[in-house]
C-alpha atoms as a PDB file:
ATOM      1  CA  MET A   1       1.944 -13.072 -17.110  1.00  0.00           C
ATOM      2  CA  THR A   2       4.463 -15.640 -18.521  1.00  0.00           C
ATOM      3  CA  ASP A   3       6.221 -18.821 -17.772  1.00  0.00           C
ATOM      4  CA  GLN A   4       9.970 -16.203 -17.130  1.00  0.00           C
ATOM      5  CA  THR A   5       7.746 -13.906 -14.281  1.00  0.00           C
ATOM      6  CA  ARG A   6       9.505 -14.243 -11.258  1.00  0.00           C
ATOM      7  CA  ILE A   7       7.927 -12.488  -8.154  1.00  0.00           C
ATOM      8  CA  LEU A   8       9.421 -11.343  -5.087  1.00  0.00           C
ATOM      9  CA  LEU A   9       7.077 -10.640  -2.517  1.00  0.00           C
ATOM     10  CA  VAL A  10       8.696  -8.876   1.055  1.00  0.00           C
ATOM     11  CA  GLY A  11       6.501  -9.061   3.376  1.00  0.00           C
ATOM     12  CA  CYS A  12       4.075 -11.771   4.255  1.00  0.00           C
ATOM     13  CA  GLY A  13       1.314 -10.013   6.597  1.00  0.00           C
ATOM     14  CA  LYS A  14      -2.547 -10.019   6.393  1.00  0.00           C
ATOM     15  CA  MET A  15      -2.364  -8.421   3.159  1.00  0.00           C
ATOM     16  CA  GLY A  16       1.012  -9.909   1.943  1.00  0.00           C
ATOM     17  CA  SER A  17      -1.028 -13.194   2.702  1.00  0.00           C
ATOM     18  CA  ALA A  18      -3.974 -12.914   0.783  1.00  0.00           C
ATOM     19  CA  LEU A  19      -1.849 -11.735  -2.231  1.00  0.00           C
ATOM     20  CA  LEU A  20       0.126 -14.834  -2.018  1.00  0.00           C
ATOM     21  CA  ASN A  21      -3.164 -17.458  -1.862  1.00  0.00           C
ATOM     22  CA  GLY A  22      -4.187 -15.405  -4.510  1.00  0.00           C
ATOM     23  CA  TRP A  23      -1.299 -15.423  -6.733  1.00  0.00           C
ATOM     24  CA  LEU A  24      -1.384 -19.784  -6.500  1.00  0.00           C
ATOM     25  CA  ASP A  25      -5.490 -19.904  -6.444  1.00  0.00           C
ATOM     26  CA  GLN A  26      -5.301 -18.306 -10.016  1.00  0.00           C
ATOM     27  CA  GLY A  27      -1.949 -21.105 -10.852  1.00  0.00           C
ATOM     28  CA  THR A  28       0.902 -19.207 -10.139  1.00  0.00           C
ATOM     29  CA  PRO A  29       3.216 -21.513  -9.849  1.00  0.00           C
ATOM     30  CA  ALA A  30       4.544 -21.931  -7.112  1.00  0.00           C
ATOM     31  CA  GLY A  31       8.321 -21.933  -7.827  1.00  0.00           C
ATOM     32  CA  HIS A  32       7.623 -18.698  -9.407  1.00  0.00           C
ATOM     33  CA  LEU A  33       7.930 -17.414  -5.996  1.00  0.00           C
ATOM     34  CA  THR A  34       9.927 -16.433  -3.579  1.00  0.00           C
ATOM     35  CA  ILE A  35       9.491 -14.895  -0.224  1.00  0.00           C
ATOM     36  CA  VAL A  36      10.856 -12.578   2.109  1.00  0.00           C
ATOM     37  CA  GLU A  37       9.548 -12.830   6.237  1.00  0.00           C
ATOM     38  CA  PRO A  38      11.594 -12.978   8.514  1.00  0.00           C
ATOM     39  CA  MET A  39       8.263 -14.159  10.934  1.00  0.00           C
ATOM     40  CA  SER A  40       8.303 -17.378   9.466  1.00  0.00           C
ATOM     41  CA  PRO A  41       5.006 -17.924   8.460  1.00  0.00           C
ATOM     42  CA  GLN A  42       2.907 -21.106   7.663  1.00  0.00           C
ATOM     43  CA  LEU A  43       3.691 -21.807   3.885  1.00  0.00           C
ATOM     44  CA  PRO A  44       3.337 -24.305   1.085  1.00  0.00           C
ATOM     45  CA  ASP A  45       6.188 -26.453   1.078  1.00  0.00           C
ATOM     46  CA  ASP A  46       7.565 -25.703  -2.129  1.00  0.00           C
ATOM     47  CA  VAL A  47       7.463 -22.031  -1.658  1.00  0.00           C
ATOM     48  CA  THR A  48      11.114 -20.554  -1.185  1.00  0.00           C
ATOM     49  CA  VAL A  49      10.882 -18.026   2.291  1.00  0.00           C
ATOM     50  CA  HIS A  50      14.164 -16.268   3.148  1.00  0.00           C
ATOM     51  CA  ALA A  51      14.273 -14.147   6.493  1.00  0.00           C
ATOM     52  CA  GLU A  52      15.809 -11.325   4.979  1.00  0.00           C
ATOM     53  CA  ALA A  53      17.177 -10.264   1.587  1.00  0.00           C
ATOM     54  CA  SER A  54      20.635 -11.196   1.961  1.00  0.00           C
ATOM     55  CA  ALA A  55      19.789 -14.656   1.698  1.00  0.00           C
ATOM     56  CA  PHE A  56      19.372 -14.006  -2.250  1.00  0.00           C
ATOM     57  CA  GLY A  57      22.314 -15.312  -4.721  1.00  0.00           C
ATOM     58  CA  SER A  58      23.741 -13.008  -7.217  1.00  0.00           C
ATOM     59  CA  ASP A  59      22.218 -14.563  -9.937  1.00  0.00           C
ATOM     60  CA  PHE A  60      18.754 -14.395  -8.997  1.00  0.00           C
ATOM     61  CA  GLN A  61      17.316 -11.051 -10.871  1.00  0.00           C
ATOM     62  CA  PRO A  62      13.038 -11.135  -9.962  1.00  0.00           C
ATOM     63  CA  SER A  63      10.174  -9.707 -12.952  1.00  0.00           C
ATOM     64  CA  VAL A  64       8.426  -7.831  -9.684  1.00  0.00           C
ATOM     65  CA  VAL A  65       9.440  -7.084  -6.126  1.00  0.00           C
ATOM     66  CA  VAL A  66       6.254  -6.896  -4.440  1.00  0.00           C
ATOM     67  CA  PHE A  67       6.402  -5.064  -1.230  1.00  0.00           C
ATOM     68  CA  ALA A  68       3.753  -5.908   1.447  1.00  0.00           C
ATOM     69  CA  VAL A  69       5.475  -4.439   4.305  1.00  0.00           C
ATOM     70  CA  LYS A  70       4.243  -1.899   7.005  1.00  0.00           C
ATOM     71  CA  PRO A  71       4.810   2.086   5.837  1.00  0.00           C
ATOM     72  CA  GLN A  72       6.508   2.315   9.219  1.00  0.00           C
ATOM     73  CA  SER A  73       9.088  -0.258   8.324  1.00  0.00           C
ATOM     74  CA  MET A  74       9.967   0.549   4.740  1.00  0.00           C
ATOM     75  CA  ASP A  75      13.117   2.992   5.137  1.00  0.00           C
ATOM     76  CA  ASP A  76      15.220   0.101   7.026  1.00  0.00           C
ATOM     77  CA  VAL A  77      13.584  -2.605   4.048  1.00  0.00           C
ATOM     78  CA  LEU A  78      13.866  -0.390   0.813  1.00  0.00           C
ATOM     79  CA  PRO A  79      18.040   0.391   0.167  1.00  0.00           C
ATOM     80  CA  ALA A  80      18.564  -3.777   0.395  1.00  0.00           C
ATOM     81  CA  TYR A  81      16.482  -4.062  -3.355  1.00  0.00           C
ATOM     82  CA  ALA A  82      17.847  -0.900  -5.256  1.00  0.00           C
ATOM     83  CA  LYS A  83      20.287  -3.600  -6.914  1.00  0.00           C
ATOM     84  CA  TYR A  84      17.060  -4.967  -9.133  1.00  0.00           C
ATOM     85  CA  ALA A  85      16.431  -1.619  -9.935  1.00  0.00           C
ATOM     86  CA  GLY A  86      16.416  -1.234 -13.987  1.00  0.00           C
ATOM     87  CA  PRO A  87      14.062  -1.868 -16.697  1.00  0.00           C
ATOM     88  CA  GLU A  88      13.571  -5.945 -16.009  1.00  0.00           C
ATOM     89  CA  THR A  89      12.179  -5.436 -12.523  1.00  0.00           C
ATOM     90  CA  VAL A  90       8.950  -3.518 -11.483  1.00  0.00           C
ATOM     91  CA  PHE A  91       8.582  -2.364  -8.311  1.00  0.00           C
ATOM     92  CA  LEU A  92       4.943  -2.733  -6.789  1.00  0.00           C
ATOM     93  CA  SER A  93       4.171  -1.175  -3.273  1.00  0.00           C
ATOM     94  CA  ILE A  94       0.907  -1.671  -1.121  1.00  0.00           C
ATOM     95  CA  ALA A  95       2.378   0.159   1.459  1.00  0.00           C
ATOM     96  CA  ALA A  96      -0.286   3.435   2.300  1.00  0.00           C
ATOM     97  CA  GLY A  97       1.278   6.939   2.106  1.00  0.00           C
ATOM     98  CA  LYS A  98       4.166   6.207   0.425  1.00  0.00           C
ATOM     99  CA  PRO A  99       4.278   7.994  -3.082  1.00  0.00           C
ATOM    100  CA  ILE A 100       6.182   6.760  -5.810  1.00  0.00           C
ATOM    101  CA  GLY A 101       8.884   9.684  -5.399  1.00  0.00           C
ATOM    102  CA  TYR A 102       9.902   7.787  -2.193  1.00  0.00           C
ATOM    103  CA  PHE A 103      10.964   4.639  -3.253  1.00  0.00           C
ATOM    104  CA  ALA A 104      12.473   6.378  -6.500  1.00  0.00           C
ATOM    105  CA  ALA A 105      15.125   8.170  -3.961  1.00  0.00           C
ATOM    106  CA  THR A 106      16.366   5.077  -3.537  1.00  0.00           C
ATOM    107  CA  LEU A 107      15.618   2.856  -6.243  1.00  0.00           C
ATOM    108  CA  THR A 108      16.894   5.106  -8.913  1.00  0.00           C
ATOM    109  CA  GLY A 109      16.070   4.570 -12.313  1.00  0.00           C
ATOM    110  CA  GLY A 110      13.616   2.005 -11.415  1.00  0.00           C
ATOM    111  CA  ALA A 111      10.445   1.125 -12.587  1.00  0.00           C
ATOM    112  CA  ILE A 112       7.573   2.150 -10.243  1.00  0.00           C
ATOM    113  CA  VAL A 113       3.591   1.428  -9.534  1.00  0.00           C
ATOM    114  CA  ARG A 114       1.903   2.235  -6.323  1.00  0.00           C
ATOM    115  CA  ALA A 115      -1.185   0.047  -5.259  1.00  0.00           C
ATOM    116  CA  MET A 116      -4.064   1.508  -2.792  1.00  0.00           C
ATOM    117  CA  PRO A 117      -5.735  -2.355  -2.332  1.00  0.00           C
ATOM    118  CA  ASN A 118      -8.446  -2.849   0.055  1.00  0.00           C
ATOM    119  CA  THR A 119      -9.446  -5.387   3.209  1.00  0.00           C
ATOM    120  CA  PRO A 120     -11.981  -7.339   1.501  1.00  0.00           C
ATOM    121  CA  ALA A 121      -9.087  -8.808  -0.683  1.00  0.00           C
ATOM    122  CA  ALA A 122      -8.755 -11.168   1.925  1.00  0.00           C
ATOM    123  CA  VAL A 123     -11.679 -12.587   0.301  1.00  0.00           C
ATOM    124  CA  GLY A 124     -10.961 -11.948  -3.183  1.00  0.00           C
ATOM    125  CA  ARG A 125     -13.699  -9.020  -3.236  1.00  0.00           C
ATOM    126  CA  GLY A 126     -11.124  -5.837  -2.553  1.00  0.00           C
ATOM    127  CA  ILE A 127     -10.735  -3.305  -5.478  1.00  0.00           C
ATOM    128  CA  THR A 128      -6.366  -1.620  -5.977  1.00  0.00           C
ATOM    129  CA  VAL A 129      -6.210   1.045  -7.742  1.00  0.00           C
ATOM    130  CA  LEU A 130      -2.748   1.484  -9.214  1.00  0.00           C
ATOM    131  CA  CYS A 131      -0.290   4.592 -10.543  1.00  0.00           C
ATOM    132  CA  ALA A 132       2.673   3.850 -12.259  1.00  0.00           C
ATOM    133  CA  ASN A 133       5.812   6.159 -12.918  1.00  0.00           C
ATOM    134  CA  GLU A 134       7.119   6.537 -16.118  1.00  0.00           C
ATOM    135  CA  ARG A 135       9.644   4.134 -16.416  1.00  0.00           C
ATOM    136  CA  VAL A 136       6.795   1.263 -16.497  1.00  0.00           C
ATOM    137  CA  SER A 137       6.344  -0.891 -19.599  1.00  0.00           C
ATOM    138  CA  ALA A 138       2.612  -1.936 -20.684  1.00  0.00           C
ATOM    139  CA  ALA A 139       3.785  -4.826 -20.481  1.00  0.00           C
ATOM    140  CA  GLN A 140       4.946  -4.018 -16.748  1.00  0.00           C
ATOM    141  CA  LYS A 141       1.607  -2.720 -16.603  1.00  0.00           C
ATOM    142  CA  SER A 142      -0.943  -6.136 -17.125  1.00  0.00           C
ATOM    143  CA  VAL A 143       1.291  -7.990 -14.855  1.00  0.00           C
ATOM    144  CA  CYS A 144       0.711  -5.597 -12.382  1.00  0.00           C
ATOM    145  CA  THR A 145      -3.103  -5.485 -13.143  1.00  0.00           C
ATOM    146  CA  GLN A 146      -3.244  -9.301 -12.840  1.00  0.00           C
ATOM    147  CA  LEU A 147      -1.216  -9.589  -9.389  1.00  0.00           C
ATOM    148  CA  MET A 148      -3.950  -7.347  -7.728  1.00  0.00           C
ATOM    149  CA  GLU A 149      -6.934  -8.882 -10.071  1.00  0.00           C
ATOM    150  CA  SER A 150      -5.662 -11.927  -8.199  1.00  0.00           C
ATOM    151  CA  VAL A 151      -8.076 -10.405  -4.760  1.00  0.00           C
ATOM    152  CA  GLY A 152     -10.310  -8.628  -5.973  1.00  0.00           C
ATOM    153  CA  GLU A 153     -11.030  -5.386  -9.409  1.00  0.00           C
ATOM    154  CA  VAL A 154      -8.371  -3.321 -10.414  1.00  0.00           C
ATOM    155  CA  ALA A 155      -8.303   0.156 -11.681  1.00  0.00           C
ATOM    156  CA  TRP A 156      -6.025   2.627 -12.764  1.00  0.00           C
ATOM    157  CA  ILE A 157      -5.128   6.374 -12.921  1.00  0.00           C
ATOM    158  CA  ASP A 158      -2.470   8.520 -13.784  1.00  0.00           C
ATOM    159  CA  ASP A 159      -2.393  11.475 -11.297  1.00  0.00           C
ATOM    160  CA  GLU A 160      -0.731  10.483  -7.947  1.00  0.00           C
ATOM    161  CA  ALA A 161      -2.417  13.271  -6.047  1.00  0.00           C
ATOM    162  CA  LEU A 162      -5.901  11.292  -6.362  1.00  0.00           C
ATOM    163  CA  MET A 163      -4.365   8.629  -4.077  1.00  0.00           C
ATOM    164  CA  ASP A 164      -5.321  10.493  -1.229  1.00  0.00           C
ATOM    165  CA  ALA A 165      -8.642  10.122  -2.393  1.00  0.00           C
ATOM    166  CA  VAL A 166      -9.062   6.622  -2.878  1.00  0.00           C
ATOM    167  CA  THR A 167      -7.485   6.324   0.082  1.00  0.00           C
ATOM    168  CA  GLY A 168     -10.186   7.742   1.655  1.00  0.00           C
ATOM    169  CA  LEU A 169     -12.728   6.210  -0.257  1.00  0.00           C
ATOM    170  CA  SER A 170     -11.515   2.778  -0.426  1.00  0.00           C
ATOM    171  CA  GLY A 171      -8.814   1.848   1.155  1.00  0.00           C
ATOM    172  CA  SER A 172     -10.332   3.260   4.745  1.00  0.00           C
ATOM    173  CA  GLY A 173     -14.000   2.777   3.682  1.00  0.00           C
ATOM    174  CA  PRO A 174     -14.752  -0.943   4.958  1.00  0.00           C
ATOM    175  CA  ALA A 175     -13.987   0.720   8.269  1.00  0.00           C
ATOM    176  CA  TYR A 176     -17.328   2.648   7.731  1.00  0.00           C
ATOM    177  CA  VAL A 177     -19.460  -0.552   6.609  1.00  0.00           C
ATOM    178  CA  PHE A 178     -18.251  -2.133   9.471  1.00  0.00           C
ATOM    179  CA  HIS A 179     -19.670   1.150  11.773  1.00  0.00           C
ATOM    180  CA  LEU A 180     -22.650   1.249   9.665  1.00  0.00           C
ATOM    181  CA  VAL A 181     -22.955  -2.546  10.982  1.00  0.00           C
ATOM    182  CA  GLU A 182     -22.479  -0.964  14.273  1.00  0.00           C
ATOM    183  CA  ALA A 183     -24.400   1.451  14.148  1.00  0.00           C
ATOM    184  CA  MET A 184     -27.537  -0.491  12.344  1.00  0.00           C
ATOM    185  CA  ALA A 185     -27.133  -2.891  15.051  1.00  0.00           C
ATOM    186  CA  ALA A 186     -27.355  -0.388  18.389  1.00  0.00           C
ATOM    187  CA  ALA A 187     -30.609   1.289  16.575  1.00  0.00           C
ATOM    188  CA  GLY A 188     -32.045  -1.978  16.419  1.00  0.00           C
ATOM    189  CA  THR A 189     -31.629  -2.427  20.116  1.00  0.00           C
ATOM    190  CA  ALA A 190     -32.732   0.372  21.274  1.00  0.00           C
ATOM    191  CA  ALA A 191     -35.922  -0.101  18.962  1.00  0.00           C
ATOM    192  CA  GLY A 192     -36.751  -2.972  21.277  1.00  0.00           C
ATOM    193  CA  LEU A 193     -34.567  -5.599  19.627  1.00  0.00           C
ATOM    194  CA  THR A 194     -32.176  -8.125  21.478  1.00  0.00           C
ATOM    195  CA  ALA A 195     -28.293  -7.043  21.037  1.00  0.00           C
ATOM    196  CA  ASP A 196     -27.445 -10.947  19.753  1.00  0.00           C
ATOM    197  CA  LEU A 197     -30.772 -10.753  16.592  1.00  0.00           C
ATOM    198  CA  ALA A 198     -30.259  -6.996  16.040  1.00  0.00           C
ATOM    199  CA  MET A 199     -26.603  -7.574  14.752  1.00  0.00           C
ATOM    200  CA  GLN A 200     -27.779 -10.912  12.685  1.00  0.00           C
ATOM    201  CA  LEU A 201     -29.675  -8.845  11.453  1.00  0.00           C
ATOM    202  CA  ALA A 202     -27.566  -5.545  10.581  1.00  0.00           C
ATOM    203  CA  ARG A 203     -24.850  -8.364   9.531  1.00  0.00           C
ATOM    204  CA  ALA A 204     -27.101 -10.156   7.125  1.00  0.00           C
ATOM    205  CA  THR A 205     -28.426  -7.048   5.395  1.00  0.00           C
ATOM    206  CA  VAL A 206     -25.041  -5.343   4.801  1.00  0.00           C
ATOM    207  CA  ALA A 207     -23.440  -8.171   3.701  1.00  0.00           C
ATOM    208  CA  GLY A 208     -26.490  -9.192   1.355  1.00  0.00           C
ATOM    209  CA  SER A 209     -27.073  -5.857   0.084  1.00  0.00           C
ATOM    210  CA  GLY A 210     -23.365  -5.547  -1.270  1.00  0.00           C
ATOM    211  CA  GLU A 211     -24.026  -9.036  -3.199  1.00  0.00           C
ATOM    212  CA  LEU A 212     -26.780  -7.973  -4.364  1.00  0.00           C
ATOM    213  CA  LEU A 213     -24.625  -4.160  -5.658  1.00  0.00           C
ATOM    214  CA  ARG A 214     -21.999  -6.474  -6.888  1.00  0.00           C
ATOM    215  CA  GLN A 215     -24.035  -9.104  -9.255  1.00  0.00           C
ATOM    216  CA  SER A 216     -26.640  -6.643 -10.473  1.00  0.00           C
ATOM    217  CA  SER A 217     -25.939  -4.333 -13.752  1.00  0.00           C
ATOM    218  CA  ASP A 218     -28.117  -1.507 -12.022  1.00  0.00           C
ATOM    219  CA  PRO A 219     -26.688   1.285 -10.329  1.00  0.00           C
ATOM    220  CA  ALA A 220     -26.925   1.745  -6.788  1.00  0.00           C
ATOM    221  CA  GLY A 221     -29.426   4.283  -7.310  1.00  0.00           C
ATOM    222  CA  THR A 222     -32.142   2.368  -8.724  1.00  0.00           C
ATOM    223  CA  LEU A 223     -31.533  -0.020  -6.324  1.00  0.00           C
ATOM    224  CA  ARG A 224     -32.335   1.641  -3.371  1.00  0.00           C
ATOM    225  CA  GLU A 225     -35.449   3.249  -5.104  1.00  0.00           C
ATOM    226  CA  ASN A 226     -36.623  -0.691  -5.809  1.00  0.00           C
ATOM    227  CA  VAL A 227     -37.079  -0.966  -2.255  1.00  0.00           C
ATOM    228  CA  THR A 228     -38.511   2.282  -1.310  1.00  0.00           C
ATOM    229  CA  SER A 229     -42.335   2.259  -1.655  1.00  0.00           C
ATOM    230  CA  PRO A 230     -43.862   5.771  -1.614  1.00  0.00           C
ATOM    231  CA  GLY A 231     -45.154   6.795   1.888  1.00  0.00           C
ATOM    232  CA  GLY A 232     -43.942   3.396   3.219  1.00  0.00           C
ATOM    233  CA  THR A 233     -41.079   2.740   6.198  1.00  0.00           C
ATOM    234  CA  THR A 234     -38.032   2.697   4.019  1.00  0.00           C
ATOM    235  CA  ALA A 235     -39.237   5.904   2.619  1.00  0.00           C
ATOM    236  CA  ALA A 236     -39.432   7.153   6.180  1.00  0.00           C
ATOM    237  CA  ALA A 237     -36.175   6.522   7.179  1.00  0.00           C
ATOM    238  CA  LEU A 238     -34.784   7.976   3.933  1.00  0.00           C
ATOM    239  CA  GLU A 239     -36.445  11.006   4.853  1.00  0.00           C
ATOM    240  CA  VAL A 240     -33.816  11.230   7.707  1.00  0.00           C
ATOM    241  CA  LEU A 241     -30.393   9.541   6.170  1.00  0.00           C
ATOM    242  CA  MET A 242     -30.996  11.974   2.629  1.00  0.00           C
ATOM    243  CA  ALA A 243     -31.716  15.329   4.625  1.00  0.00           C
ATOM    244  CA  PRO A 244     -29.276  17.871   3.695  1.00  0.00           C
ATOM    245  CA  GLU A 245     -27.616  17.274   7.313  1.00  0.00           C
ATOM    246  CA  GLY A 246     -27.603  13.263   6.537  1.00  0.00           C
ATOM    247  CA  LEU A 247     -25.686  10.663   5.381  1.00  0.00           C
ATOM    248  CA  THR A 248     -24.108  12.068   2.306  1.00  0.00           C
ATOM    249  CA  ARG A 249     -23.259  14.878   4.326  1.00  0.00           C
ATOM    250  CA  LEU A 250     -21.458  12.730   6.876  1.00  0.00           C
ATOM    251  CA  MET A 251     -19.843  10.760   4.375  1.00  0.00           C
ATOM    252  CA  THR A 252     -17.859  13.258   2.591  1.00  0.00           C
ATOM    253  CA  GLU A 253     -16.549  15.233   5.840  1.00  0.00           C
ATOM    254  CA  ALA A 254     -15.650  11.888   6.907  1.00  0.00           C
ATOM    255  CA  ILE A 255     -13.782  10.883   3.451  1.00  0.00           C
ATOM    256  CA  GLY A 256     -12.061  14.478   3.551  1.00  0.00           C
ATOM    257  CA  ARG A 257     -10.723  14.408   6.811  1.00  0.00           C
ATOM    258  CA  ALA A 258      -9.140  10.738   5.273  1.00  0.00           C
ATOM    259  CA  THR A 259      -8.175  12.144   2.405  1.00  0.00           C
ATOM    260  CA  GLU A 260      -6.103  15.255   4.181  1.00  0.00           C
ATOM    261  CA  ARG A 261      -5.050  12.567   6.696  1.00  0.00           C
ATOM    262  CA  SER A 262      -3.461  10.751   3.650  1.00  0.00           C
ATOM    263  CA  ARG A 263      -1.862  13.773   2.666  1.00  0.00           C
ATOM    264  CA  GLU A 264      -0.592  15.212   6.001  1.00  0.00           C
ATOM    265  CA  LEU A 265       0.877  11.152   6.285  1.00  0.00           C
ATOM    266  CA  ALA A 266       3.147  11.433   2.729  1.00  0.00           C
ATOM    267  CA  GLN A 267       4.343  14.419   3.328  1.00  0.00           C
END
């Protein structure tokens, strides 16, 4: 980003706040940020906040407009920003299920980027997949990359149709991990542990394994093999989890259903 980059954040809920905090931590000057949020959130004093888009002066021209409002609210929010559609502004949306074509219908001629982040962005460990229309310049792609890298990793795709699978895997994925913790804790309780100890063990095991995976250059399969002694306890458990009807089949079905639901919501 340059010293002239001006960011307009529309919506400052959980994900919007995570982005804002990431930008500030990254060193983005507060004077380069403008927020539209009717709920009057607690923000740094030097960040400009407006309750609605009508508060802007006629000379206001953002470099990036980031839509971080709920998808069901977008019909009411979007029209107010159509006046900024043009080569000087890129629109970056993190609204799940809203395709580029939806925004293009209102933001005529606009440079539009669709993004799918996930909730670990709240602790700077998210991952966001982005897809752009043909009006987005290389410089604007770079700005969007930097904005989303403030809360985690970034990947780009050319085929927007893949966004449904991205949503099914990484967008919804944190819930699968949290349910894994619940399932492990329940299994520990069934094996005789107290509920509190079982949950403590499950949480720490999943969180620690995730951090090991993040820091290691080894593939996940290698890390799994490193824990698995032939004929040992881990091998016995993996005989269940890696059976034909085991975890891979369940996860494939789950992500498949989430992907299909994402397609339905986009229609």
